[in-house]
PDB file of N, CA and C in Angstrom:
ATOM      1  N   UNK A   1      54.972 -19.764  -3.286  1.00  0.00           N
ATOM      2  CA  UNK A   1      53.655 -19.936  -2.713  1.00  0.00           C
ATOM      3  C   UNK A   1      53.512 -19.001  -1.520  1.00  0.00           C
ATOM      4  N   UNK A   2      52.281 -18.484  -1.355  1.00  0.00           N
ATOM      5  CA  UNK A   2      52.007 -17.555  -0.257  1.00  0.00           C
ATOM      6  C   UNK A   2      51.453 -18.318   0.933  1.00  0.00           C
ATOM      7  N   UNK A   3      51.825 -17.895   2.146  1.00  0.00           N
ATOM      8  CA  UNK A   3      51.262 -18.564   3.323  1.00  0.00           C
ATOM      9  C   UNK A   3      49.777 -18.220   3.454  1.00  0.00           C
ATOM     10  N   UNK A   4      48.990 -19.168   3.911  1.00  0.00           N
ATOM     11  CA  UNK A   4      47.546 -18.947   4.092  1.00  0.00           C
ATOM     12  C   UNK A   4      47.295 -18.302   5.442  1.00  0.00           C
ATOM     13  N   UNK A   5      46.402 -17.341   5.463  1.00  0.00           N
ATOM     14  CA  UNK A   5      46.044 -16.658   6.705  1.00  0.00           C
ATOM     15  C   UNK A   5      44.809 -17.330   7.293  1.00  0.00           C
ATOM     16  N   UNK A   6      44.785 -17.454   8.595  1.00  0.00           N
ATOM     17  CA  UNK A   6      43.636 -18.047   9.269  1.00  0.00           C
ATOM     18  C   UNK A   6      42.647 -16.951   9.688  1.00  0.00           C
ATOM     19  N   UNK A   7      43.115 -15.744   9.919  1.00  0.00           N
ATOM     20  CA  UNK A   7      42.235 -14.655  10.353  1.00  0.00           C
ATOM     21  C   UNK A   7      41.660 -13.917   9.145  1.00  0.00           C
ATOM     22  N   UNK A   8      40.481 -13.312   9.319  1.00  0.00           N
ATOM     23  CA  UNK A   8      39.873 -12.577   8.199  1.00  0.00           C
ATOM     24  C   UNK A   8      40.703 -11.360   7.809  1.00  0.00           C
ATOM     25  N   UNK A   9      40.610 -11.017   6.553  1.00  0.00           N
ATOM     26  CA  UNK A   9      41.338  -9.872   6.018  1.00  0.00           C
ATOM     27  C   UNK A   9      40.386  -8.688   5.867  1.00  0.00           C
ATOM     28  N   UNK A  10      40.917  -7.468   5.989  1.00  0.00           N
ATOM     29  CA  UNK A  10      40.117  -6.267   5.745  1.00  0.00           C
ATOM     30  C   UNK A  10      40.019  -5.965   4.254  1.00  0.00           C
ATOM     31  N   UNK A  11      40.795  -6.660   3.464  1.00  0.00           N
ATOM     32  CA  UNK A  11      40.834  -6.437   2.020  1.00  0.00           C
ATOM     33  C   UNK A  11      39.953  -7.486   1.342  1.00  0.00           C
ATOM     34  N   UNK A  12      39.026  -7.072   0.475  1.00  0.00           N
ATOM     35  CA  UNK A  12      38.189  -8.065  -0.198  1.00  0.00           C
ATOM     36  C   UNK A  12      39.011  -8.956  -1.118  1.00  0.00           C
ATOM     37  N   UNK A  13      38.558 -10.188  -1.289  1.00  0.00           N
ATOM     38  CA  UNK A  13      39.271 -11.116  -2.171  1.00  0.00           C
ATOM     39  C   UNK A  13      38.918 -10.809  -3.617  1.00  0.00           C
ATOM     40  N   UNK A  14      39.806 -11.161  -4.513  1.00  0.00           N
ATOM     41  CA  UNK A  14      39.580 -10.930  -5.929  1.00  0.00           C
ATOM     42  C   UNK A  14      38.772 -12.061  -6.546  1.00  0.00           C
ATOM     43  N   UNK A  15      38.733 -13.203  -5.889  1.00  0.00           N
ATOM     44  CA  UNK A  15      38.025 -14.341  -6.476  1.00  0.00           C
ATOM     45  C   UNK A  15      36.559 -14.348  -6.036  1.00  0.00           C
ATOM     46  N   UNK A  16      35.656 -14.696  -6.943  1.00  0.00           N
ATOM     47  CA  UNK A  16      34.232 -14.727  -6.589  1.00  0.00           C
ATOM     48  C   UNK A  16      33.919 -15.923  -5.694  1.00  0.00           C
ATOM     49  N   UNK A  17      32.803 -15.854  -5.002  1.00  0.00           N
ATOM     50  CA  UNK A  17      32.391 -16.984  -4.170  1.00  0.00           C
ATOM     51  C   UNK A  17      31.914 -18.116  -5.072  1.00  0.00           C
ATOM     52  N   UNK A  18      31.967 -19.314  -4.555  1.00  0.00           N
ATOM     53  CA  UNK A  18      31.569 -20.468  -5.362  1.00  0.00           C
ATOM     54  C   UNK A  18      30.072 -20.740  -5.273  1.00  0.00           C
ATOM     55  N   UNK A  19      29.421 -20.240  -4.227  1.00  0.00           N
ATOM     56  CA  UNK A  19      27.980 -20.466  -4.072  1.00  0.00           C
ATOM     57  C   UNK A  19      27.216 -19.179  -4.343  1.00  0.00           C
ATOM     58  N   UNK A  20      26.059 -19.283  -5.030  1.00  0.00           N
ATOM     59  CA  UNK A  20      25.266 -18.067  -5.270  1.00  0.00           C
ATOM     60  C   UNK A  20      24.675 -17.540  -3.966  1.00  0.00           C
ATOM     61  N   UNK A  21      24.483 -16.251  -3.920  1.00  0.00           N
ATOM     62  CA  UNK A  21      23.854 -15.626  -2.763  1.00  0.00           C
ATOM     63  C   UNK A  21      22.347 -15.770  -2.908  1.00  0.00           C
ATOM     64  N   UNK A  22      21.700 -16.281  -1.876  1.00  0.00           N
ATOM     65  CA  UNK A  22      20.244 -16.453  -1.930  1.00  0.00           C
ATOM     66  C   UNK A  22      19.575 -15.087  -1.918  1.00  0.00           C
ATOM     67  N   UNK A  23      18.571 -14.924  -2.760  1.00  0.00           N
ATOM     68  CA  UNK A  23      17.821 -13.667  -2.763  1.00  0.00           C
ATOM     69  C   UNK A  23      16.451 -13.932  -2.162  1.00  0.00           C
ATOM     70  N   UNK A  24      15.888 -12.936  -1.487  1.00  0.00           N
ATOM     71  CA  UNK A  24      14.572 -13.154  -0.877  1.00  0.00           C
ATOM     72  C   UNK A  24      13.493 -13.357  -1.935  1.00  0.00           C
ATOM     73  N   UNK A  25      12.506 -14.163  -1.619  1.00  0.00           N
ATOM     74  CA  UNK A  25      11.389 -14.399  -2.535  1.00  0.00           C
ATOM     75  C   UNK A  25      10.482 -13.171  -2.532  1.00  0.00           C
ATOM     76  N   UNK A  26       9.852 -12.866  -3.667  1.00  0.00           N
ATOM     77  CA  UNK A  26       8.940 -11.716  -3.690  1.00  0.00           C
ATOM     78  C   UNK A  26       7.759 -11.942  -2.749  1.00  0.00           C
ATOM     79  N   UNK A  27       7.273 -10.855  -2.202  1.00  0.00           N
ATOM     80  CA  UNK A  27       6.149 -10.920  -1.270  1.00  0.00           C
ATOM     81  C   UNK A  27       4.870 -11.270  -2.019  1.00  0.00           C
ATOM     82  N   UNK A  28       4.061 -12.122  -1.423  1.00  0.00           N
ATOM     83  CA  UNK A  28       2.769 -12.446  -2.029  1.00  0.00           C
ATOM     84  C   UNK A  28       1.643 -11.675  -1.354  1.00  0.00           C
ATOM     85  N   UNK A  29       1.952 -11.029  -0.229  1.00  0.00           N
ATOM     86  CA  UNK A  29       0.921 -10.263   0.467  1.00  0.00           C
ATOM     87  C   UNK A  29       1.086  -8.779   0.158  1.00  0.00           C
ATOM     88  N   UNK A  30       0.001  -7.998   0.245  1.00  0.00           N
ATOM     89  CA  UNK A  30       0.137  -6.566  -0.040  1.00  0.00           C
ATOM     90  C   UNK A  30       1.068  -5.896   0.966  1.00  0.00           C
ATOM     91  N   UNK A  31       1.760  -4.864   0.508  1.00  0.00           N
ATOM     92  CA  UNK A  31       2.685  -4.170   1.392  1.00  0.00           C
ATOM     93  C   UNK A  31       1.947  -3.215   2.324  1.00  0.00           C
ATOM     94  N   UNK A  32       0.737  -2.810   1.951  1.00  0.00           N
ATOM     95  CA  UNK A  32      -0.072  -1.957   2.815  1.00  0.00           C
ATOM     96  C   UNK A  32      -1.314  -2.734   3.211  1.00  0.00           C
ATOM     97  N   UNK A  33      -1.696  -2.677   4.473  1.00  0.00           N
ATOM     98  CA  UNK A  33      -2.890  -3.425   4.875  1.00  0.00           C
ATOM     99  C   UNK A  33      -4.142  -2.870   4.205  1.00  0.00           C
ATOM    100  N   UNK A  34      -5.080  -3.753   3.925  1.00  0.00           N
ATOM    101  CA  UNK A  34      -6.354  -3.356   3.341  1.00  0.00           C
ATOM    102  C   UNK A  34      -7.292  -2.986   4.483  1.00  0.00           C
ATOM    103  N   UNK A  35      -7.939  -1.839   4.352  1.00  0.00           N
ATOM    104  CA  UNK A  35      -8.855  -1.391   5.393  1.00  0.00           C
ATOM    105  C   UNK A  35     -10.290  -1.797   5.100  1.00  0.00           C
ATOM    106  N   UNK A  36     -11.087  -1.900   6.135  1.00  0.00           N
ATOM    107  CA  UNK A  36     -12.515  -2.187   5.979  1.00  0.00           C
ATOM    108  C   UNK A  36     -13.239  -0.902   5.594  1.00  0.00           C
ATOM    109  N   UNK A  37     -13.962  -0.933   4.482  1.00  0.00           N
ATOM    110  CA  UNK A  37     -14.724   0.240   4.050  1.00  0.00           C
ATOM    111  C   UNK A  37     -15.921   0.445   4.964  1.00  0.00           C
ATOM    112  N   UNK A  38     -16.094   1.684   5.410  1.00  0.00           N
ATOM    113  CA  UNK A  38     -17.197   2.017   6.312  1.00  0.00           C
ATOM    114  C   UNK A  38     -17.919   3.245   5.759  1.00  0.00           C
ATOM    115  N   UNK A  39     -19.203   3.097   5.490  1.00  0.00           N
ATOM    116  CA  UNK A  39     -20.013   4.225   5.046  1.00  0.00           C
ATOM    117  C   UNK A  39     -20.579   4.897   6.288  1.00  0.00           C
ATOM    118  N   UNK A  40     -20.063   6.098   6.590  1.00  0.00           N
ATOM    119  CA  UNK A  40     -20.492   6.849   7.774  1.00  0.00           C
ATOM    120  C   UNK A  40     -21.829   7.541   7.502  1.00  0.00           C
ATOM    121  N   UNK A  41     -21.956   8.104   6.308  1.00  0.00           N
ATOM    122  CA  UNK A  41     -23.182   8.808   5.937  1.00  0.00           C
ATOM    123  C   UNK A  41     -22.901   9.750   4.781  1.00  0.00           C
ATOM    124  N   UNK A  42     -23.963  10.357   4.246  1.00  0.00           N
ATOM    125  CA  UNK A  42     -23.793  11.258   3.103  1.00  0.00           C
ATOM    126  C   UNK A  42     -23.212  12.607   3.506  1.00  0.00           C
ATOM    127  N   UNK A  43     -23.340  13.011   4.755  1.00  0.00           N
ATOM    128  CA  UNK A  43     -22.794  14.290   5.219  1.00  0.00           C
ATOM    129  C   UNK A  43     -22.045  14.074   6.532  1.00  0.00           C
ATOM    130  N   UNK A  44     -20.973  13.265   6.503  1.00  0.00           N
ATOM    131  CA  UNK A  44     -20.246  12.958   7.742  1.00  0.00           C
ATOM    132  C   UNK A  44     -19.372  14.130   8.184  1.00  0.00           C
ATOM    133  N   UNK A  45     -18.915  14.112   9.445  1.00  0.00           N
ATOM    134  CA  UNK A  45     -17.991  15.158   9.897  1.00  0.00           C
ATOM    135  C   UNK A  45     -16.654  15.048   9.163  1.00  0.00           C
ATOM    136  N   UNK A  46     -15.905  16.136   9.117  1.00  0.00           N
ATOM    137  CA  UNK A  46     -14.584  16.123   8.474  1.00  0.00           C
ATOM    138  C   UNK A  46     -13.631  15.245   9.274  1.00  0.00           C
ATOM    139  N   UNK A  47     -12.512  14.860   8.661  1.00  0.00           N
ATOM    140  CA  UNK A  47     -11.527  14.028   9.342  1.00  0.00           C
ATOM    141  C   UNK A  47     -11.794  12.544   9.177  1.00  0.00           C
ATOM    142  N   UNK A  48     -12.450  12.177   8.064  1.00  0.00           N
ATOM    143  CA  UNK A  48     -12.711  10.756   7.813  1.00  0.00           C
ATOM    144  C   UNK A  48     -11.399   9.983   7.762  1.00  0.00           C
ATOM    145  N   UNK A  49     -11.407   8.792   8.326  1.00  0.00           N
ATOM    146  CA  UNK A  49     -10.209   7.954   8.342  1.00  0.00           C
ATOM    147  C   UNK A  49     -10.146   7.085   7.092  1.00  0.00           C
ATOM    148  N   UNK A  50      -9.060   6.328   6.988  1.00  0.00           N
ATOM    149  CA  UNK A  50      -8.822   5.435   5.854  1.00  0.00           C
ATOM    150  C   UNK A  50     -10.038   4.536   5.619  1.00  0.00           C
ATOM    151  N   UNK A  51     -10.527   4.536   4.393  1.00  0.00           N
ATOM    152  CA  UNK A  51     -11.640   3.694   3.935  1.00  0.00           C
ATOM    153  C   UNK A  51     -13.000   4.121   4.477  1.00  0.00           C
ATOM    154  N   UNK A  52     -13.108   5.354   4.990  1.00  0.00           N
ATOM    155  CA  UNK A  52     -14.399   5.857   5.443  1.00  0.00           C
ATOM    156  C   UNK A  52     -14.980   6.811   4.404  1.00  0.00           C
ATOM    157  N   UNK A  53     -16.294   6.874   4.309  1.00  0.00           N
ATOM    158  CA  UNK A  53     -16.960   7.753   3.372  1.00  0.00           C
ATOM    159  C   UNK A  53     -18.344   8.111   3.896  1.00  0.00           C
ATOM    160  N   UNK A  54     -18.969   8.996   3.301  1.00  0.00           N
ATOM    161  CA  UNK A  54     -18.792   9.559   1.972  1.00  0.00           C
ATOM    162  C   UNK A  54     -17.993  10.855   2.064  1.00  0.00           C
ATOM    163  N   UNK A  55     -17.011  11.002   1.188  1.00  0.00           N
ATOM    164  CA  UNK A  55     -16.262  12.257   1.097  1.00  0.00           C
ATOM    165  C   UNK A  55     -16.571  12.914  -0.241  1.00  0.00           C
ATOM    166  N   UNK A  56     -16.323  14.199  -0.323  1.00  0.00           N
ATOM    167  CA  UNK A  56     -16.482  14.926  -1.582  1.00  0.00           C
ATOM    168  C   UNK A  56     -15.192  15.616  -1.994  1.00  0.00           C
ATOM    169  N   UNK A  57     -14.379  15.987  -0.999  1.00  0.00           N
ATOM    170  CA  UNK A  57     -13.120  16.695  -1.237  1.00  0.00           C
ATOM    171  C   UNK A  57     -12.030  16.060  -0.387  1.00  0.00           C
ATOM    172  N   UNK A  58     -10.763  16.281  -0.775  1.00  0.00           N
ATOM    173  CA  UNK A  58      -9.642  15.783   0.031  1.00  0.00           C
ATOM    174  C   UNK A  58      -9.716  16.318   1.458  1.00  0.00           C
ATOM    175  N   UNK A  59     -10.230  17.546   1.621  1.00  0.00           N
ATOM    176  CA  UNK A  59     -10.340  18.164   2.936  1.00  0.00           C
ATOM    177  C   UNK A  59     -11.321  17.460   3.868  1.00  0.00           C
ATOM    178  N   UNK A  60     -12.152  16.579   3.322  1.00  0.00           N
ATOM    179  CA  UNK A  60     -13.071  15.797   4.154  1.00  0.00           C
ATOM    180  C   UNK A  60     -12.339  14.664   4.867  1.00  0.00           C
ATOM    181  N   UNK A  61     -11.123  14.353   4.395  1.00  0.00           N
ATOM    182  CA  UNK A  61     -10.351  13.217   4.905  1.00  0.00           C
ATOM    183  C   UNK A  61      -9.285  13.684   5.900  1.00  0.00           C
ATOM    184  N   UNK A  62      -8.861  12.772   6.760  1.00  0.00           N
ATOM    185  CA  UNK A  62      -7.785  13.051   7.714  1.00  0.00           C
ATOM    186  C   UNK A  62      -6.479  13.316   6.965  1.00  0.00           C
ATOM    187  N   UNK A  63      -5.491  13.869   7.660  1.00  0.00           N
ATOM    188  CA  UNK A  63      -4.188  14.173   7.055  1.00  0.00           C
ATOM    189  C   UNK A  63      -3.588  12.932   6.407  1.00  0.00           C
ATOM    190  N   UNK A  64      -2.983  13.115   5.223  1.00  0.00           N
ATOM    191  CA  UNK A  64      -2.332  12.020   4.513  1.00  0.00           C
ATOM    192  C   UNK A  64      -3.276  11.201   3.650  1.00  0.00           C
ATOM    193  N   UNK A  65      -4.571  11.533   3.695  1.00  0.00           N
ATOM    194  CA  UNK A  65      -5.553  10.799   2.902  1.00  0.00           C
ATOM    195  C   UNK A  65      -6.175  11.726   1.872  1.00  0.00           C
ATOM    196  N   UNK A  66      -6.673  11.142   0.790  1.00  0.00           N
ATOM    197  CA  UNK A  66      -7.364  11.897  -0.255  1.00  0.00           C
ATOM    198  C   UNK A  66      -8.712  11.231  -0.519  1.00  0.00           C
ATOM    199  N   UNK A  67      -9.635  12.012  -1.045  1.00  0.00           N
ATOM    200  CA  UNK A  67     -10.958  11.491  -1.373  1.00  0.00           C
ATOM    201  C   UNK A  67     -10.888  10.793  -2.725  1.00  0.00           C
ATOM    202  N   UNK A  68     -11.155   9.498  -2.729  1.00  0.00           N
ATOM    203  CA  UNK A  68     -11.189   8.725  -3.975  1.00  0.00           C
ATOM    204  C   UNK A  68     -12.605   8.818  -4.520  1.00  0.00           C
ATOM    205  N   UNK A  69     -12.758   9.624  -5.562  1.00  0.00           N
ATOM    206  CA  UNK A  69     -14.074   9.849  -6.155  1.00  0.00           C
ATOM    207  C   UNK A  69     -14.282   8.795  -7.227  1.00  0.00           C
ATOM    208  N   UNK A  70     -15.011   7.778  -6.864  1.00  0.00           N
ATOM    209  CA  UNK A  70     -15.169   6.631  -7.754  1.00  0.00           C
ATOM    210  C   UNK A  70     -16.388   6.766  -8.651  1.00  0.00           C
ATOM    211  N   UNK A  71     -16.292   6.113  -9.792  1.00  0.00           N
ATOM    212  CA  UNK A  71     -17.453   5.992 -10.662  1.00  0.00           C
ATOM    213  C   UNK A  71     -18.384   4.979 -10.002  1.00  0.00           C
ATOM    214  N   UNK A  72     -19.633   5.017 -10.285  1.00  0.00           N
ATOM    215  CA  UNK A  72     -20.625   4.173  -9.609  1.00  0.00           C
ATOM    216  C   UNK A  72     -20.154   2.728  -9.438  1.00  0.00           C
ATOM    217  N   UNK A  73     -19.965   2.336  -8.196  1.00  0.00           N
ATOM    218  CA  UNK A  73     -19.593   0.964  -7.901  1.00  0.00           C
ATOM    219  C   UNK A  73     -18.141   0.612  -8.144  1.00  0.00           C
ATOM    220  N   UNK A  74     -17.318   1.589  -8.576  1.00  0.00           N
ATOM    221  CA  UNK A  74     -15.897   1.308  -8.832  1.00  0.00           C
ATOM    222  C   UNK A  74     -15.226   0.828  -7.545  1.00  0.00           C
ATOM    223  N   UNK A  75     -14.250  -0.072  -7.701  1.00  0.00           N
ATOM    224  CA  UNK A  75     -13.535  -0.615  -6.546  1.00  0.00           C
ATOM    225  C   UNK A  75     -12.745   0.486  -5.842  1.00  0.00           C
ATOM    226  N   UNK A  76     -12.655   0.390  -4.526  1.00  0.00           N
ATOM    227  CA  UNK A  76     -11.948   1.375  -3.705  1.00  0.00           C
ATOM    228  C   UNK A  76     -10.545   0.838  -3.456  1.00  0.00           C
ATOM    229  N   UNK A  77      -9.489   1.484  -3.982  1.00  0.00           N
ATOM    230  CA  UNK A  77      -8.130   0.948  -3.813  1.00  0.00           C
ATOM    231  C   UNK A  77      -7.691   0.932  -2.352  1.00  0.00           C
ATOM    232  N   UNK A  78      -7.161  -0.211  -1.925  1.00  0.00           N
ATOM    233  CA  UNK A  78      -6.649  -0.342  -0.564  1.00  0.00           C
ATOM    234  C   UNK A  78      -7.712  -0.589   0.491  1.00  0.00           C
ATOM    235  N   UNK A  79      -8.959  -0.787   0.060  1.00  0.00           N
ATOM    236  CA  UNK A  79     -10.067  -0.992   0.998  1.00  0.00           C
ATOM    237  C   UNK A  79     -10.892  -2.198   0.567  1.00  0.00           C
ATOM    238  N   UNK A  80     -11.648  -2.747   1.520  1.00  0.00           N
ATOM    239  CA  UNK A  80     -12.564  -3.817   1.153  1.00  0.00           C
ATOM    240  C   UNK A  80     -13.654  -3.227   0.273  1.00  0.00           C
ATOM    241  N   UNK A  81     -14.229  -4.033  -0.564  1.00  0.00           N
ATOM    242  CA  UNK A  81     -15.233  -3.553  -1.509  1.00  0.00           C
ATOM    243  C   UNK A  81     -16.519  -4.349  -1.335  1.00  0.00           C
ATOM    244  N   UNK A  82     -17.236  -4.026  -0.281  1.00  0.00           N
ATOM    245  CA  UNK A  82     -18.469  -4.719   0.060  1.00  0.00           C
ATOM    246  C   UNK A  82     -19.587  -4.269  -0.879  1.00  0.00           C
ATOM    247  N   UNK A  83     -20.314  -5.212  -1.477  1.00  0.00           N
ATOM    248  CA  UNK A  83     -21.381  -4.822  -2.412  1.00  0.00           C
ATOM    249  C   UNK A  83     -22.527  -4.047  -1.757  1.00  0.00           C
ATOM    250  N   UNK A  84     -22.636  -4.068  -0.420  1.00  0.00           N
ATOM    251  CA  UNK A  84     -23.724  -3.308   0.220  1.00  0.00           C
ATOM    252  C   UNK A  84     -23.403  -1.819   0.368  1.00  0.00           C
ATOM    253  N   UNK A  85     -22.157  -1.409   0.059  1.00  0.00           N
ATOM    254  CA  UNK A  85     -21.809   0.018   0.133  1.00  0.00           C
ATOM    255  C   UNK A  85     -22.613   0.782  -0.912  1.00  0.00           C
ATOM    256  N   UNK A  86     -23.083   1.990  -0.588  1.00  0.00           N
ATOM    257  CA  UNK A  86     -23.800   2.783  -1.594  1.00  0.00           C
ATOM    258  C   UNK A  86     -22.916   3.015  -2.823  1.00  0.00           C
ATOM    259  N   UNK A  87     -23.475   2.759  -4.000  1.00  0.00           N
ATOM    260  CA  UNK A  87     -22.687   2.829  -5.235  1.00  0.00           C
ATOM    261  C   UNK A  87     -22.128   4.221  -5.508  1.00  0.00           C
ATOM    262  N   UNK A  88     -22.807   5.267  -5.064  1.00  0.00           N
ATOM    263  CA  UNK A  88     -22.345   6.623  -5.339  1.00  0.00           C
ATOM    264  C   UNK A  88     -21.432   7.207  -4.279  1.00  0.00           C
ATOM    265  N   UNK A  89     -21.140   6.437  -3.233  1.00  0.00           N
ATOM    266  CA  UNK A  89     -20.318   6.957  -2.131  1.00  0.00           C
ATOM    267  C   UNK A  89     -18.840   6.954  -2.508  1.00  0.00           C
ATOM    268  N   UNK A  90     -18.119   7.982  -2.054  1.00  0.00           N
ATOM    269  CA  UNK A  90     -16.677   8.109  -2.275  1.00  0.00           C
ATOM    270  C   UNK A  90     -15.975   7.917  -0.933  1.00  0.00           C
ATOM    271  N   UNK A  91     -14.727   7.432  -0.974  1.00  0.00           N
ATOM    272  CA  UNK A  91     -14.045   7.035   0.256  1.00  0.00           C
ATOM    273  C   UNK A  91     -12.639   7.618   0.341  1.00  0.00           C
ATOM    274  N   UNK A  92     -12.169   7.834   1.568  1.00  0.00           N
ATOM    275  CA  UNK A  92     -10.827   8.352   1.812  1.00  0.00           C
ATOM    276  C   UNK A  92      -9.813   7.211   1.703  1.00  0.00           C
ATOM    277  N   UNK A  93      -8.770   7.441   0.915  1.00  0.00           N
ATOM    278  CA  UNK A  93      -7.710   6.446   0.725  1.00  0.00           C
ATOM    279  C   UNK A  93      -6.358   7.130   0.889  1.00  0.00           C
ATOM    280  N   UNK A  94      -5.301   6.331   1.025  1.00  0.00           N
ATOM    281  CA  UNK A  94      -3.944   6.881   1.089  1.00  0.00           C
ATOM    282  C   UNK A  94      -3.576   7.448  -0.279  1.00  0.00           C
ATOM    283  N   UNK A  95      -2.788   8.523  -0.278  1.00  0.00           N
ATOM    284  CA  UNK A  95      -2.398   9.167  -1.540  1.00  0.00           C
ATOM    285  C   UNK A  95      -1.778   8.170  -2.508  1.00  0.00           C
ATOM    286  N   UNK A  96      -0.901   7.283  -1.984  1.00  0.00           N
ATOM    287  CA  UNK A  96      -0.221   6.334  -2.867  1.00  0.00           C
ATOM    288  C   UNK A  96      -1.184   5.294  -3.437  1.00  0.00           C
ATOM    289  N   UNK A  97      -2.278   5.000  -2.736  1.00  0.00           N
ATOM    290  CA  UNK A  97      -3.277   4.065  -3.257  1.00  0.00           C
ATOM    291  C   UNK A  97      -4.082   4.723  -4.371  1.00  0.00           C
ATOM    292  N   UNK A  98      -4.371   5.998  -4.205  1.00  0.00           N
ATOM    293  CA  UNK A  98      -5.182   6.730  -5.178  1.00  0.00           C
ATOM    294  C   UNK A  98      -4.516   6.721  -6.548  1.00  0.00           C
ATOM    295  N   UNK A  99      -3.171   6.747  -6.573  1.00  0.00           N
ATOM    296  CA  UNK A  99      -2.456   6.819  -7.847  1.00  0.00           C
ATOM    297  C   UNK A  99      -2.318   5.461  -8.517  1.00  0.00           C
ATOM    298  N   UNK A 100      -2.665   4.383  -7.814  1.00  0.00           N
ATOM    299  CA  UNK A 100      -2.568   3.044  -8.392  1.00  0.00           C
ATOM    300  C   UNK A 100      -3.907   2.608  -8.953  1.00  0.00           C
ATOM    301  N   UNK A 101      -3.841   1.880 -10.047  1.00  0.00           N
ATOM    302  CA  UNK A 101      -5.074   1.260 -10.527  1.00  0.00           C
ATOM    303  C   UNK A 101      -5.241  -0.050  -9.771  1.00  0.00           C
ATOM    304  N   UNK A 102      -6.414  -0.617  -9.791  1.00  0.00           N
ATOM    305  CA  UNK A 102      -6.645  -1.867  -9.066  1.00  0.00           C
ATOM    306  C   UNK A 102      -5.792  -3.005  -9.620  1.00  0.00           C
ATOM    307  N   UNK A 103      -5.387  -2.927 -10.876  1.00  0.00           N
ATOM    308  CA  UNK A 103      -4.537  -3.974 -11.448  1.00  0.00           C
ATOM    309  C   UNK A 103      -3.183  -4.023 -10.766  1.00  0.00           C
ATOM    310  N   UNK A 104      -2.739  -2.897 -10.216  1.00  0.00           N
ATOM    311  CA  UNK A 104      -1.415  -2.828  -9.610  1.00  0.00           C
ATOM    312  C   UNK A 104      -1.435  -3.136  -8.127  1.00  0.00           C
ATOM    313  N   UNK A 105      -2.614  -3.180  -7.510  1.00  0.00           N
ATOM    314  CA  UNK A 105      -2.686  -3.433  -6.070  1.00  0.00           C
ATOM    315  C   UNK A 105      -2.632  -4.907  -5.769  1.00  0.00           C
TER     316      UNK A 105
END
């Protein structure tokens, strides 16, 4: 029989633990905050921020954002979707939001 050690060993044990390791529960909240959609105007200055519109090109948006050119009334990914927003307006969103469909958000 081998003597039992009271101090921890630097060598991992060969026997598995008797209790399962708890895993974290999946998140129920979005990982990116949802922004409030703001319609600035049909010809706003360049540098629109997240969820601001109307944009026509990615260059209308601030760095790291792209112009989400939506079909009339289509939901804006990552932004609030207020029914009073002009149906033809397009909004600046994060690049990673643009690549997701609304089903995945």
